[in-house]
């Protein structure tokens, strides 16, 4: 790790436009299981959600969440059409990147349907 610590090379599938949300999401991947609160800056989470929604591979968010309207309750951001899924932009970003456990933090008929579909209670 010491040899690579000061490297400025990006992994082959990473781009500069993906680094922001990547840091936010993986930070939560560590913090949540440890019970640590790690707030996301709203503007950064909004930019991340916009980027992930526009991407295809690796998340396929538009395909996975087809039939749902995602609506941030703490930011000016929405995407999709259909049954509503509402919550903080931080939780929506985690949902977009395939973390279904965050569904417990979301509300609306769409969130209920997604919880049933994924088995999250």
PDB file of N, CA and C in Angstrom:
ATOM      1  N   UNK A   1       0.823  -1.183   0.000  1.00  0.00           N
ATOM      2  CA  UNK A   1       0.000   0.000   0.000  1.00  0.00           C
ATOM      3  C   UNK A   1       0.872   1.253   0.000  1.00  0.00           C
ATOM      4  N   UNK A   2       1.982   1.210   0.701  1.00  0.00           N
ATOM      5  CA  UNK A   2       2.842   2.395   0.739  1.00  0.00           C
ATOM      6  C   UNK A   2       3.359   2.757  -0.639  1.00  0.00           C
ATOM      7  N   UNK A   3       3.648   1.769  -1.462  1.00  0.00           N
ATOM      8  CA  UNK A   3       4.169   2.018  -2.807  1.00  0.00           C
ATOM      9  C   UNK A   3       3.148   2.778  -3.643  1.00  0.00           C
ATOM     10  N   UNK A   4       1.862   2.441  -3.479  1.00  0.00           N
ATOM     11  CA  UNK A   4       0.809   3.050  -4.294  1.00  0.00           C
ATOM     12  C   UNK A   4       0.136   4.253  -3.637  1.00  0.00           C
ATOM     13  N   UNK A   5       0.451   4.554  -2.406  1.00  0.00           N
ATOM     14  CA  UNK A   5      -0.258   5.590  -1.661  1.00  0.00           C
ATOM     15  C   UNK A   5      -0.239   6.952  -2.343  1.00  0.00           C
ATOM     16  N   UNK A   6       0.851   7.326  -2.970  1.00  0.00           N
ATOM     17  CA  UNK A   6       0.912   8.644  -3.610  1.00  0.00           C
ATOM     18  C   UNK A   6       0.658   8.594  -5.117  1.00  0.00           C
ATOM     19  N   UNK A   7       0.196   7.466  -5.621  1.00  0.00           N
ATOM     20  CA  UNK A   7      -0.106   7.324  -7.047  1.00  0.00           C
ATOM     21  C   UNK A   7      -1.306   8.181  -7.429  1.00  0.00           C
ATOM     22  N   UNK A   8      -1.250   8.755  -8.596  1.00  0.00           N
ATOM     23  CA  UNK A   8      -2.366   9.556  -9.119  1.00  0.00           C
ATOM     24  C   UNK A   8      -3.056   8.845 -10.282  1.00  0.00           C
ATOM     25  N   UNK A   9      -2.730   7.576 -10.499  1.00  0.00           N
ATOM     26  CA  UNK A   9      -3.376   6.803 -11.554  1.00  0.00           C
ATOM     27  C   UNK A   9      -4.778   6.399 -11.115  1.00  0.00           C
ATOM     28  N   UNK A  10      -5.691   6.390 -12.058  1.00  0.00           N
ATOM     29  CA  UNK A  10      -7.047   5.935 -11.791  1.00  0.00           C
ATOM     30  C   UNK A  10      -7.183   4.479 -12.207  1.00  0.00           C
ATOM     31  N   UNK A  11      -7.987   3.717 -11.489  1.00  0.00           N
ATOM     32  CA  UNK A  11      -8.269   2.352 -11.954  1.00  0.00           C
ATOM     33  C   UNK A  11      -8.859   2.414 -13.363  1.00  0.00           C
ATOM     34  N   UNK A  12      -8.705   1.368 -14.129  1.00  0.00           N
ATOM     35  CA  UNK A  12      -9.077   1.386 -15.539  1.00  0.00           C
ATOM     36  C   UNK A  12     -10.548   1.703 -15.790  1.00  0.00           C
ATOM     37  N   UNK A  13     -11.454   1.368 -14.911  1.00  0.00           N
ATOM     38  CA  UNK A  13     -12.867   1.628 -15.145  1.00  0.00           C
ATOM     39  C   UNK A  13     -13.361   2.899 -14.450  1.00  0.00           C
ATOM     40  N   UNK A  14     -12.461   3.676 -13.882  1.00  0.00           N
ATOM     41  CA  UNK A  14     -12.830   4.889 -13.161  1.00  0.00           C
ATOM     42  C   UNK A  14     -12.471   6.112 -13.991  1.00  0.00           C
ATOM     43  N   UNK A  15     -13.326   7.131 -13.912  1.00  0.00           N
ATOM     44  CA  UNK A  15     -13.045   8.400 -14.565  1.00  0.00           C
ATOM     45  C   UNK A  15     -13.141   9.512 -13.528  1.00  0.00           C
ATOM     46  N   UNK A  16     -12.649  10.662 -13.872  1.00  0.00           N
ATOM     47  CA  UNK A  16     -12.695  11.794 -12.956  1.00  0.00           C
ATOM     48  C   UNK A  16     -14.144  12.125 -12.604  1.00  0.00           C
ATOM     49  N   UNK A  17     -15.067  11.957 -13.552  1.00  0.00           N
ATOM     50  CA  UNK A  17     -16.475  12.267 -13.276  1.00  0.00           C
ATOM     51  C   UNK A  17     -17.114  11.282 -12.307  1.00  0.00           C
ATOM     52  N   UNK A  18     -16.501  10.146 -12.096  1.00  0.00           N
ATOM     53  CA  UNK A  18     -17.058   9.142 -11.181  1.00  0.00           C
ATOM     54  C   UNK A  18     -16.434   9.181  -9.787  1.00  0.00           C
ATOM     55  N   UNK A  19     -15.326   9.878  -9.632  1.00  0.00           N
ATOM     56  CA  UNK A  19     -14.626   9.842  -8.350  1.00  0.00           C
ATOM     57  C   UNK A  19     -15.445  10.401  -7.194  1.00  0.00           C
ATOM     58  N   UNK A  20     -16.183  11.470  -7.440  1.00  0.00           N
ATOM     59  CA  UNK A  20     -16.939  12.103  -6.357  1.00  0.00           C
ATOM     60  C   UNK A  20     -17.949  11.166  -5.734  1.00  0.00           C
ATOM     61  N   UNK A  21     -18.826  10.605  -6.561  1.00  0.00           N
ATOM     62  CA  UNK A  21     -19.841   9.721  -5.984  1.00  0.00           C
ATOM     63  C   UNK A  21     -19.209   8.434  -5.468  1.00  0.00           C
ATOM     64  N   UNK A  22     -18.125   8.006  -6.089  1.00  0.00           N
ATOM     65  CA  UNK A  22     -17.438   6.793  -5.649  1.00  0.00           C
ATOM     66  C   UNK A  22     -16.949   6.954  -4.201  1.00  0.00           C
ATOM     67  N   UNK A  23     -16.368   8.087  -3.904  1.00  0.00           N
ATOM     68  CA  UNK A  23     -15.884   8.356  -2.541  1.00  0.00           C
ATOM     69  C   UNK A  23     -17.053   8.431  -1.565  1.00  0.00           C
ATOM     70  N   UNK A  24     -18.127   9.117  -1.954  1.00  0.00           N
ATOM     71  CA  UNK A  24     -19.289   9.237  -1.078  1.00  0.00           C
ATOM     72  C   UNK A  24     -19.901   7.877  -0.761  1.00  0.00           C
ATOM     73  N   UNK A  25     -20.113   7.082  -1.795  1.00  0.00           N
ATOM     74  CA  UNK A  25     -20.787   5.785  -1.622  1.00  0.00           C
ATOM     75  C   UNK A  25     -19.916   4.805  -0.838  1.00  0.00           C
ATOM     76  N   UNK A  26     -18.651   4.702  -1.192  1.00  0.00           N
ATOM     77  CA  UNK A  26     -17.801   3.747  -0.472  1.00  0.00           C
ATOM     78  C   UNK A  26     -17.540   4.191   0.961  1.00  0.00           C
ATOM     79  N   UNK A  27     -17.561   5.487   1.203  1.00  0.00           N
ATOM     80  CA  UNK A  27     -17.471   5.976   2.582  1.00  0.00           C
ATOM     81  C   UNK A  27     -18.649   5.471   3.408  1.00  0.00           C
ATOM     82  N   UNK A  28     -19.838   5.468   2.804  1.00  0.00           N
ATOM     83  CA  UNK A  28     -21.026   4.944   3.486  1.00  0.00           C
ATOM     84  C   UNK A  28     -20.956   3.430   3.644  1.00  0.00           C
ATOM     85  N   UNK A  29     -20.358   2.757   2.655  1.00  0.00           N
ATOM     86  CA  UNK A  29     -20.189   1.300   2.757  1.00  0.00           C
ATOM     87  C   UNK A  29     -19.405   0.921   4.010  1.00  0.00           C
ATOM     88  N   UNK A  30     -18.511   1.794   4.411  1.00  0.00           N
ATOM     89  CA  UNK A  30     -17.717   1.559   5.624  1.00  0.00           C
ATOM     90  C   UNK A  30     -18.454   2.058   6.860  1.00  0.00           C
ATOM     91  N   UNK A  31     -18.991   3.274   6.787  1.00  0.00           N
ATOM     92  CA  UNK A  31     -19.588   3.920   7.951  1.00  0.00           C
ATOM     93  C   UNK A  31     -20.856   3.219   8.452  1.00  0.00           C
ATOM     94  N   UNK A  32     -21.749   2.868   7.543  1.00  0.00           N
ATOM     95  CA  UNK A  32     -23.045   2.321   7.956  1.00  0.00           C
ATOM     96  C   UNK A  32     -22.905   1.040   8.782  1.00  0.00           C
ATOM     97  N   UNK A  33     -22.142   0.037   8.335  1.00  0.00           N
ATOM     98  CA  UNK A  33     -22.020  -1.178   9.168  1.00  0.00           C
ATOM     99  C   UNK A  33     -21.359  -0.923  10.526  1.00  0.00           C
ATOM    100  N   UNK A  34     -20.538   0.121  10.592  1.00  0.00           N
ATOM    101  CA  UNK A  34     -19.883   0.448  11.860  1.00  0.00           C
ATOM    102  C   UNK A  34     -20.759   1.296  12.772  1.00  0.00           C
ATOM    103  N   UNK A  35     -21.929   1.717  12.264  1.00  0.00           N
ATOM    104  CA  UNK A  35     -22.809   2.571  13.048  1.00  0.00           C
ATOM    105  C   UNK A  35     -22.317   4.000  13.146  1.00  0.00           C
ATOM    106  N   UNK A  36     -21.476   4.395  12.222  1.00  0.00           N
ATOM    107  CA  UNK A  36     -20.915   5.740  12.218  1.00  0.00           C
ATOM    108  C   UNK A  36     -21.745   6.631  11.302  1.00  0.00           C
ATOM    109  N   UNK A  37     -22.112   7.811  11.785  1.00  0.00           N
ATOM    110  CA  UNK A  37     -22.821   8.771  10.954  1.00  0.00           C
ATOM    111  C   UNK A  37     -21.798   9.554  10.149  1.00  0.00           C
ATOM    112  N   UNK A  38     -21.949   9.513   8.838  1.00  0.00           N
ATOM    113  CA  UNK A  38     -21.023  10.205   7.937  1.00  0.00           C
ATOM    114  C   UNK A  38     -21.862  10.983   6.926  1.00  0.00           C
ATOM    115  N   UNK A  39     -22.245  12.217   7.284  1.00  0.00           N
ATOM    116  CA  UNK A  39     -23.113  12.985   6.388  1.00  0.00           C
ATOM    117  C   UNK A  39     -22.460  13.228   5.026  1.00  0.00           C
ATOM    118  N   UNK A  40     -23.293  13.227   3.992  1.00  0.00           N
ATOM    119  CA  UNK A  40     -22.828  13.559   2.642  1.00  0.00           C
ATOM    120  C   UNK A  40     -23.169  15.008   2.361  1.00  0.00           C
ATOM    121  N   UNK A  41     -22.263  15.757   1.761  1.00  0.00           N
ATOM    122  CA  UNK A  41     -22.633  17.103   1.311  1.00  0.00           C
ATOM    123  C   UNK A  41     -23.758  16.983   0.271  1.00  0.00           C
ATOM    124  N   UNK A  42     -24.832  17.723   0.477  1.00  0.00           N
ATOM    125  CA  UNK A  42     -26.005  17.613  -0.383  1.00  0.00           C
ATOM    126  C   UNK A  42     -25.678  17.881  -1.846  1.00  0.00           C
ATOM    127  N   UNK A  43     -24.902  18.920  -2.116  1.00  0.00           N
ATOM    128  CA  UNK A  43     -24.558  19.243  -3.510  1.00  0.00           C
ATOM    129  C   UNK A  43     -23.778  18.109  -4.167  1.00  0.00           C
ATOM    130  N   UNK A  44     -22.853  17.529  -3.436  1.00  0.00           N
ATOM    131  CA  UNK A  44     -22.055  16.431  -3.989  1.00  0.00           C
ATOM    132  C   UNK A  44     -22.915  15.197  -4.214  1.00  0.00           C
ATOM    133  N   UNK A  45     -23.807  14.898  -3.283  1.00  0.00           N
ATOM    134  CA  UNK A  45     -24.694  13.749  -3.437  1.00  0.00           C
ATOM    135  C   UNK A  45     -25.644  13.954  -4.616  1.00  0.00           C
ATOM    136  N   UNK A  46     -26.110  15.185  -4.816  1.00  0.00           N
ATOM    137  CA  UNK A  46     -26.984  15.499  -5.947  1.00  0.00           C
ATOM    138  C   UNK A  46     -26.240  15.299  -7.263  1.00  0.00           C
ATOM    139  N   UNK A  47     -25.017  15.799  -7.334  1.00  0.00           N
ATOM    140  CA  UNK A  47     -24.209  15.606  -8.545  1.00  0.00           C
ATOM    141  C   UNK A  47     -23.950  14.121  -8.785  1.00  0.00           C
ATOM    142  N   UNK A  48     -23.702  13.382  -7.715  1.00  0.00           N
ATOM    143  CA  UNK A  48     -23.473  11.955  -7.839  1.00  0.00           C
ATOM    144  C   UNK A  48     -24.702  11.217  -8.339  1.00  0.00           C
ATOM    145  N   UNK A  49     -25.870  11.554  -7.804  1.00  0.00           N
ATOM    146  CA  UNK A  49     -27.110  10.915  -8.235  1.00  0.00           C
ATOM    147  C   UNK A  49     -27.381  11.203  -9.709  1.00  0.00           C
ATOM    148  N   UNK A  50     -27.131  12.431 -10.122  1.00  0.00           N
ATOM    149  CA  UNK A  50     -27.316  12.791 -11.524  1.00  0.00           C
ATOM    150  C   UNK A  50     -26.396  11.976 -12.414  1.00  0.00           C
ATOM    151  N   UNK A  51     -25.155  11.830 -12.015  1.00  0.00           N
ATOM    152  CA  UNK A  51     -24.178  11.067 -12.797  1.00  0.00           C
ATOM    153  C   UNK A  51     -24.571   9.589 -12.870  1.00  0.00           C
ATOM    154  N   UNK A  52     -24.925   8.993 -11.738  1.00  0.00           N
ATOM    155  CA  UNK A  52     -25.262   7.572 -11.718  1.00  0.00           C
ATOM    156  C   UNK A  52     -26.516   7.318 -12.551  1.00  0.00           C
ATOM    157  N   UNK A  53     -27.516   8.195 -12.463  1.00  0.00           N
ATOM    158  CA  UNK A  53     -28.736   8.021 -13.246  1.00  0.00           C
ATOM    159  C   UNK A  53     -28.424   8.052 -14.742  1.00  0.00           C
ATOM    160  N   UNK A  54     -27.463   8.871 -15.143  1.00  0.00           N
ATOM    161  CA  UNK A  54     -27.108   9.002 -16.564  1.00  0.00           C
ATOM    162  C   UNK A  54     -26.264   7.826 -17.069  1.00  0.00           C
ATOM    163  N   UNK A  55     -25.614   7.117 -16.172  1.00  0.00           N
ATOM    164  CA  UNK A  55     -24.741   6.010 -16.555  1.00  0.00           C
ATOM    165  C   UNK A  55     -25.550   4.775 -16.923  1.00  0.00           C
ATOM    166  N   UNK A  56     -24.946   3.914 -17.681  1.00  0.00           N
ATOM    167  CA  UNK A  56     -25.494   2.573 -17.888  1.00  0.00           C
ATOM    168  C   UNK A  56     -24.733   1.637 -16.971  1.00  0.00           C
ATOM    169  N   UNK A  57     -23.715   0.987 -17.547  1.00  0.00           N
ATOM    170  CA  UNK A  57     -22.851   0.115 -16.787  1.00  0.00           C
ATOM    171  C   UNK A  57     -22.172   0.937 -15.714  1.00  0.00           C
ATOM    172  N   UNK A  58     -22.003   0.624 -14.591  1.00  0.00           N
ATOM    173  CA  UNK A  58     -22.103  -0.631 -13.887  1.00  0.00           C
ATOM    174  C   UNK A  58     -23.379  -0.751 -13.067  1.00  0.00           C
ATOM    175  N   UNK A  59     -24.088   0.344 -12.935  1.00  0.00           N
ATOM    176  CA  UNK A  59     -25.222   0.347 -12.013  1.00  0.00           C
ATOM    177  C   UNK A  59     -26.563   0.038 -12.672  1.00  0.00           C
ATOM    178  N   UNK A  60     -26.724   0.395 -13.919  1.00  0.00           N
ATOM    179  CA  UNK A  60     -27.986   0.187 -14.629  1.00  0.00           C
ATOM    180  C   UNK A  60     -29.166   0.732 -13.822  1.00  0.00           C
ATOM    181  N   UNK A  61     -29.008   1.901 -13.208  1.00  0.00           N
ATOM    182  CA  UNK A  61     -30.038   2.462 -12.326  1.00  0.00           C
ATOM    183  C   UNK A  61     -31.355   2.701 -13.053  1.00  0.00           C
ATOM    184  N   UNK A  62     -31.305   3.272 -14.249  1.00  0.00           N
ATOM    185  CA  UNK A  62     -32.554   3.536 -14.977  1.00  0.00           C
ATOM    186  C   UNK A  62     -33.291   2.236 -15.285  1.00  0.00           C
ATOM    187  N   UNK A  63     -32.557   1.199 -15.609  1.00  0.00           N
ATOM    188  CA  UNK A  63     -33.172  -0.092 -15.917  1.00  0.00           C
ATOM    189  C   UNK A  63     -33.727  -0.747 -14.649  1.00  0.00           C
ATOM    190  N   UNK A  64     -32.919  -0.774 -13.579  1.00  0.00           N
ATOM    191  CA  UNK A  64     -33.347  -1.415 -12.327  1.00  0.00           C
ATOM    192  C   UNK A  64     -34.532  -0.702 -11.685  1.00  0.00           C
ATOM    193  N   UNK A  65     -34.583   0.621 -11.853  1.00  0.00           N
ATOM    194  CA  UNK A  65     -35.602   1.409 -11.183  1.00  0.00           C
ATOM    195  C   UNK A  65     -36.659   1.934 -12.153  1.00  0.00           C
ATOM    196  N   UNK A  66     -36.778   1.268 -13.293  1.00  0.00           N
ATOM    197  CA  UNK A  66     -37.813   1.632 -14.261  1.00  0.00           C
ATOM    198  C   UNK A  66     -39.189   1.473 -13.599  1.00  0.00           C
ATOM    199  N   UNK A  67     -40.050   2.461 -13.781  1.00  0.00           N
ATOM    200  CA  UNK A  67     -41.378   2.414 -13.178  1.00  0.00           C
ATOM    201  C   UNK A  67     -41.457   3.101 -11.830  1.00  0.00           C
ATOM    202  N   UNK A  68     -40.367   3.745 -11.423  1.00  0.00           N
ATOM    203  CA  UNK A  68     -40.329   4.467 -10.154  1.00  0.00           C
ATOM    204  C   UNK A  68     -39.899   5.912 -10.390  1.00  0.00           C
ATOM    205  N   UNK A  69     -40.481   6.812  -9.606  1.00  0.00           N
ATOM    206  CA  UNK A  69     -40.059   8.214  -9.625  1.00  0.00           C
ATOM    207  C   UNK A  69     -39.317   8.473  -8.328  1.00  0.00           C
ATOM    208  N   UNK A  70     -38.055   8.814  -8.436  1.00  0.00           N
ATOM    209  CA  UNK A  70     -37.220   9.113  -7.280  1.00  0.00           C
ATOM    210  C   UNK A  70     -37.278  10.609  -7.018  1.00  0.00           C
ATOM    211  N   UNK A  71     -37.511  10.984  -5.793  1.00  0.00           N
ATOM    212  CA  UNK A  71     -37.685  12.386  -5.447  1.00  0.00           C
ATOM    213  C   UNK A  71     -36.947  12.695  -4.145  1.00  0.00           C
ATOM    214  N   UNK A  72     -35.959  13.570  -4.243  1.00  0.00           N
ATOM    215  CA  UNK A  72     -35.198  13.966  -3.054  1.00  0.00           C
ATOM    216  C   UNK A  72     -36.033  14.904  -2.200  1.00  0.00           C
ATOM    217  N   UNK A  73     -35.993  14.705  -0.899  1.00  0.00           N
ATOM    218  CA  UNK A  73     -36.735  15.548   0.034  1.00  0.00           C
ATOM    219  C   UNK A  73     -35.888  16.685   0.589  1.00  0.00           C
ATOM    220  N   UNK A  74     -34.586  16.643   0.338  1.00  0.00           N
ATOM    221  CA  UNK A  74     -33.690  17.669   0.891  1.00  0.00           C
ATOM    222  C   UNK A  74     -32.856  18.359  -0.190  1.00  0.00           C
ATOM    223  N   UNK A  75     -33.190  18.122  -1.444  1.00  0.00           N
ATOM    224  CA  UNK A  75     -32.451  18.719  -2.557  1.00  0.00           C
ATOM    225  C   UNK A  75     -33.401  18.820  -3.746  1.00  0.00           C
ATOM    226  N   UNK A  76     -33.023  19.618  -4.711  1.00  0.00           N
ATOM    227  CA  UNK A  76     -33.810  19.724  -5.931  1.00  0.00           C
ATOM    228  C   UNK A  76     -33.300  18.672  -6.894  1.00  0.00           C
ATOM    229  N   UNK A  77     -33.853  17.467  -6.780  1.00  0.00           N
ATOM    230  CA  UNK A  77     -33.449  16.361  -7.650  1.00  0.00           C
ATOM    231  C   UNK A  77     -34.580  15.364  -7.738  1.00  0.00           C
ATOM    232  N   UNK A  78     -34.828  14.922  -8.957  1.00  0.00           N
ATOM    233  CA  UNK A  78     -35.782  13.844  -9.188  1.00  0.00           C
ATOM    234  C   UNK A  78     -35.406  13.147 -10.480  1.00  0.00           C
ATOM    235  N   UNK A  79     -35.893  11.928 -10.634  1.00  0.00           N
ATOM    236  CA  UNK A  79     -35.609  11.153 -11.843  1.00  0.00           C
ATOM    237  C   UNK A  79     -36.663  10.066 -11.980  1.00  0.00           C
ATOM    238  N   UNK A  80     -36.892   9.662 -13.204  1.00  0.00           N
ATOM    239  CA  UNK A  80     -37.785   8.553 -13.467  1.00  0.00           C
ATOM    240  C   UNK A  80     -39.249   8.946 -13.457  1.00  0.00           C
ATOM    241  N   UNK A  81     -40.096   7.952 -13.667  1.00  0.00           N
ATOM    242  CA  UNK A  81     -41.543   8.143 -13.680  1.00  0.00           C
ATOM    243  C   UNK A  81     -42.203   6.890 -13.134  1.00  0.00           C
ATOM    244  N   UNK A  82     -43.243   7.096 -12.345  1.00  0.00           N
ATOM    245  CA  UNK A  82     -43.976   5.960 -11.793  1.00  0.00           C
ATOM    246  C   UNK A  82     -44.231   6.136 -10.316  1.00  0.00           C
ATOM    247  N   UNK A  83     -44.266   5.025  -9.598  1.00  0.00           N
ATOM    248  CA  UNK A  83     -44.527   5.034  -8.155  1.00  0.00           C
ATOM    249  C   UNK A  83     -43.421   5.804  -7.438  1.00  0.00           C
ATOM    250  N   UNK A  84     -43.815   6.684  -6.530  1.00  0.00           N
ATOM    251  CA  UNK A  84     -42.846   7.562  -5.887  1.00  0.00           C
ATOM    252  C   UNK A  84     -42.011   6.882  -4.815  1.00  0.00           C
ATOM    253  N   UNK A  85     -40.723   7.237  -4.847  1.00  0.00           N
ATOM    254  CA  UNK A  85     -39.753   6.841  -3.830  1.00  0.00           C
ATOM    255  C   UNK A  85     -39.138   8.145  -3.344  1.00  0.00           C
ATOM    256  N   UNK A  86     -39.384   8.490  -2.091  1.00  0.00           N
ATOM    257  CA  UNK A  86     -38.925   9.762  -1.549  1.00  0.00           C
ATOM    258  C   UNK A  86     -37.941   9.555  -0.417  1.00  0.00           C
ATOM    259  N   UNK A  87     -36.988  10.492  -0.328  1.00  0.00           N
ATOM    260  CA  UNK A  87     -36.053  10.447   0.779  1.00  0.00           C
ATOM    261  C   UNK A  87     -34.900  11.394   0.557  1.00  0.00           C
ATOM    262  N   UNK A  88     -33.985  11.436   1.503  1.00  0.00           N
ATOM    263  CA  UNK A  88     -32.822  12.304   1.368  1.00  0.00           C
ATOM    264  C   UNK A  88     -31.976  11.886   0.162  1.00  0.00           C
ATOM    265  N   UNK A  89     -31.338  12.852  -0.457  1.00  0.00           N
ATOM    266  CA  UNK A  89     -30.535  12.574  -1.652  1.00  0.00           C
ATOM    267  C   UNK A  89     -29.439  11.557  -1.348  1.00  0.00           C
ATOM    268  N   UNK A  90     -28.925  11.573  -0.151  1.00  0.00           N
ATOM    269  CA  UNK A  90     -27.903  10.599   0.250  1.00  0.00           C
ATOM    270  C   UNK A  90     -28.434   9.169   0.114  1.00  0.00           C
ATOM    271  N   UNK A  91     -29.645   8.940   0.593  1.00  0.00           N
ATOM    272  CA  UNK A  91     -30.244   7.610   0.521  1.00  0.00           C
ATOM    273  C   UNK A  91     -30.563   7.235  -0.924  1.00  0.00           C
ATOM    274  N   UNK A  92     -31.012   8.203  -1.710  1.00  0.00           N
ATOM    275  CA  UNK A  92     -31.306   7.923  -3.113  1.00  0.00           C
ATOM    276  C   UNK A  92     -30.034   7.557  -3.878  1.00  0.00           C
ATOM    277  N   UNK A  93     -28.931   8.244  -3.588  1.00  0.00           N
ATOM    278  CA  UNK A  93     -27.658   7.901  -4.237  1.00  0.00           C
ATOM    279  C   UNK A  93     -27.263   6.463  -3.898  1.00  0.00           C
ATOM    280  N   UNK A  94     -27.437   6.072  -2.658  1.00  0.00           N
ATOM    281  CA  UNK A  94     -27.107   4.699  -2.271  1.00  0.00           C
ATOM    282  C   UNK A  94     -28.027   3.695  -2.960  1.00  0.00           C
ATOM    283  N   UNK A  95     -29.302   4.033  -3.093  1.00  0.00           N
ATOM    284  CA  UNK A  95     -30.223   3.161  -3.824  1.00  0.00           C
ATOM    285  C   UNK A  95     -29.794   3.043  -5.292  1.00  0.00           C
ATOM    286  N   UNK A  96     -29.463   4.169  -5.902  1.00  0.00           N
ATOM    287  CA  UNK A  96     -29.048   4.170  -7.312  1.00  0.00           C
ATOM    288  C   UNK A  96     -27.823   3.294  -7.538  1.00  0.00           C
ATOM    289  N   UNK A  97     -26.959   3.223  -6.556  1.00  0.00           N
ATOM    290  CA  UNK A  97     -25.724   2.451  -6.703  1.00  0.00           C
ATOM    291  C   UNK A  97     -25.862   1.023  -6.172  1.00  0.00           C
ATOM    292  N   UNK A  98     -27.098   0.593  -5.943  1.00  0.00           N
ATOM    293  CA  UNK A  98     -27.338  -0.813  -5.643  1.00  0.00           C
ATOM    294  C   UNK A  98     -27.240  -1.217  -4.195  1.00  0.00           C
ATOM    295  N   UNK A  99     -27.519  -0.296  -3.279  1.00  0.00           N
ATOM    296  CA  UNK A  99     -27.505  -0.634  -1.861  1.00  0.00           C
ATOM    297  C   UNK A  99     -28.939  -0.683  -1.343  1.00  0.00           C
ATOM    298  N   UNK A 100     -29.635  -1.805  -1.501  1.00  0.00           N
ATOM    299  CA  UNK A 100     -31.059  -1.871  -1.149  1.00  0.00           C
ATOM    300  C   UNK A 100     -31.344  -1.729   0.343  1.00  0.00           C
ATOM    301  N   UNK A 101     -30.388  -1.940   1.201  1.00  0.00           N
ATOM    302  CA  UNK A 101     -30.629  -1.802   2.640  1.00  0.00           C
ATOM    303  C   UNK A 101     -31.098  -0.392   2.983  1.00  0.00           C
ATOM    304  N   UNK A 102     -30.759   0.579   2.159  1.00  0.00           N
ATOM    305  CA  UNK A 102     -31.145   1.959   2.397  1.00  0.00           C
ATOM    306  C   UNK A 102     -32.653   2.175   2.205  1.00  0.00           C
ATOM    307  N   UNK A 103     -33.343   1.191   1.656  1.00  0.00           N
ATOM    308  CA  UNK A 103     -34.789   1.321   1.435  1.00  0.00           C
ATOM    309  C   UNK A 103     -35.555   1.598   2.728  1.00  0.00           C
ATOM    310  N   UNK A 104     -35.018   1.228   3.857  1.00  0.00           N
ATOM    311  CA  UNK A 104     -35.693   1.495   5.128  1.00  0.00           C
ATOM    312  C   UNK A 104     -35.742   2.992   5.421  1.00  0.00           C
ATOM    313  N   UNK A 105     -34.930   3.775   4.750  1.00  0.00           N
ATOM    314  CA  UNK A 105     -34.894   5.227   4.953  1.00  0.00           C
ATOM    315  C   UNK A 105     -35.756   5.973   3.938  1.00  0.00           C
ATOM    316  N   UNK A 106     -36.398   5.256   3.027  1.00  0.00           N
ATOM    317  CA  UNK A 106     -37.175   5.877   1.964  1.00  0.00           C
ATOM    318  C   UNK A 106     -38.659   5.647   2.184  1.00  0.00           C
ATOM    319  N   UNK A 107     -39.476   6.546   1.655  1.00  0.00           N
ATOM    320  CA  UNK A 107     -40.926   6.459   1.823  1.00  0.00           C
ATOM    321  C   UNK A 107     -41.610   6.508   0.469  1.00  0.00           C
ATOM    322  N   UNK A 108     -42.921   6.317   0.499  1.00  0.00           N
ATOM    323  CA  UNK A 108     -43.734   6.370  -0.706  1.00  0.00           C
ATOM    324  C   UNK A 108     -44.115   4.974  -1.175  1.00  0.00           C
ATOM    325  N   UNK A 109     -45.129   4.927  -2.021  1.00  0.00           N
ATOM    326  CA  UNK A 109     -45.598   3.655  -2.540  1.00  0.00           C
ATOM    327  C   UNK A 109     -44.523   2.894  -3.284  1.00  0.00           C
ATOM    328  N   UNK A 110     -43.668   3.610  -3.990  1.00  0.00           N
ATOM    329  CA  UNK A 110     -42.583   2.951  -4.710  1.00  0.00           C
ATOM    330  C   UNK A 110     -41.569   2.331  -3.772  1.00  0.00           C
ATOM    331  N   UNK A 111     -41.288   3.014  -2.666  1.00  0.00           N
ATOM    332  CA  UNK A 111     -40.338   2.462  -1.694  1.00  0.00           C
ATOM    333  C   UNK A 111     -40.896   1.186  -1.086  1.00  0.00           C
ATOM    334  N   UNK A 112     -42.188   1.202  -0.790  1.00  0.00           N
ATOM    335  CA  UNK A 112     -42.832  -0.002  -0.242  1.00  0.00           C
ATOM    336  C   UNK A 112     -42.716  -1.156  -1.240  1.00  0.00           C
ATOM    337  N   UNK A 113     -42.998  -0.888  -2.504  1.00  0.00           N
ATOM    338  CA  UNK A 113     -42.926  -1.929  -3.542  1.00  0.00           C
ATOM    339  C   UNK A 113     -41.503  -2.443  -3.688  1.00  0.00           C
ATOM    340  N   UNK A 114     -40.524  -1.551  -3.642  1.00  0.00           N
ATOM    341  CA  UNK A 114     -39.118  -1.976  -3.760  1.00  0.00           C
ATOM    342  C   UNK A 114     -38.687  -2.829  -2.567  1.00  0.00           C
ATOM    343  N   UNK A 115     -39.174  -2.463  -1.363  1.00  0.00           N
ATOM    344  CA  UNK A 115     -38.853  -3.279  -0.185  1.00  0.00           C
ATOM    345  C   UNK A 115     -39.419  -4.683  -0.325  1.00  0.00           C
ATOM    346  N   UNK A 116     -40.637  -4.780  -0.819  1.00  0.00           N
ATOM    347  CA  UNK A 116     -41.231  -6.101  -1.026  1.00  0.00           C
ATOM    348  C   UNK A 116     -40.458  -6.890  -2.082  1.00  0.00           C
ATOM    349  N   UNK A 117     -40.065  -6.214  -3.166  1.00  0.00           N
ATOM    350  CA  UNK A 117     -39.361  -6.874  -4.263  1.00  0.00           C
ATOM    351  C   UNK A 117     -37.999  -7.384  -3.832  1.00  0.00           C
ATOM    352  N   UNK A 118     -37.328  -6.633  -2.956  1.00  0.00           N
ATOM    353  CA  UNK A 118     -35.965  -6.997  -2.569  1.00  0.00           C
ATOM    354  C   UNK A 118     -35.912  -7.756  -1.239  1.00  0.00           C
ATOM    355  N   UNK A 119     -37.035  -7.813  -0.527  1.00  0.00           N
ATOM    356  CA  UNK A 119     -37.046  -8.499   0.766  1.00  0.00           C
ATOM    357  C   UNK A 119     -36.477  -7.682   1.899  1.00  0.00           C
ATOM    358  N   UNK A 120     -36.298  -6.377   1.693  1.00  0.00           N
ATOM    359  CA  UNK A 120     -35.793  -5.498   2.756  1.00  0.00           C
ATOM    360  C   UNK A 120     -36.966  -5.109   3.644  1.00  0.00           C
ATOM    361  N   UNK A 121     -36.819  -5.289   4.943  1.00  0.00           N
ATOM    362  CA  UNK A 121     -37.905  -4.927   5.865  1.00  0.00           C
ATOM    363  C   UNK A 121     -37.519  -3.811   6.790  1.00  0.00           C
TER     364      UNK A 121
END
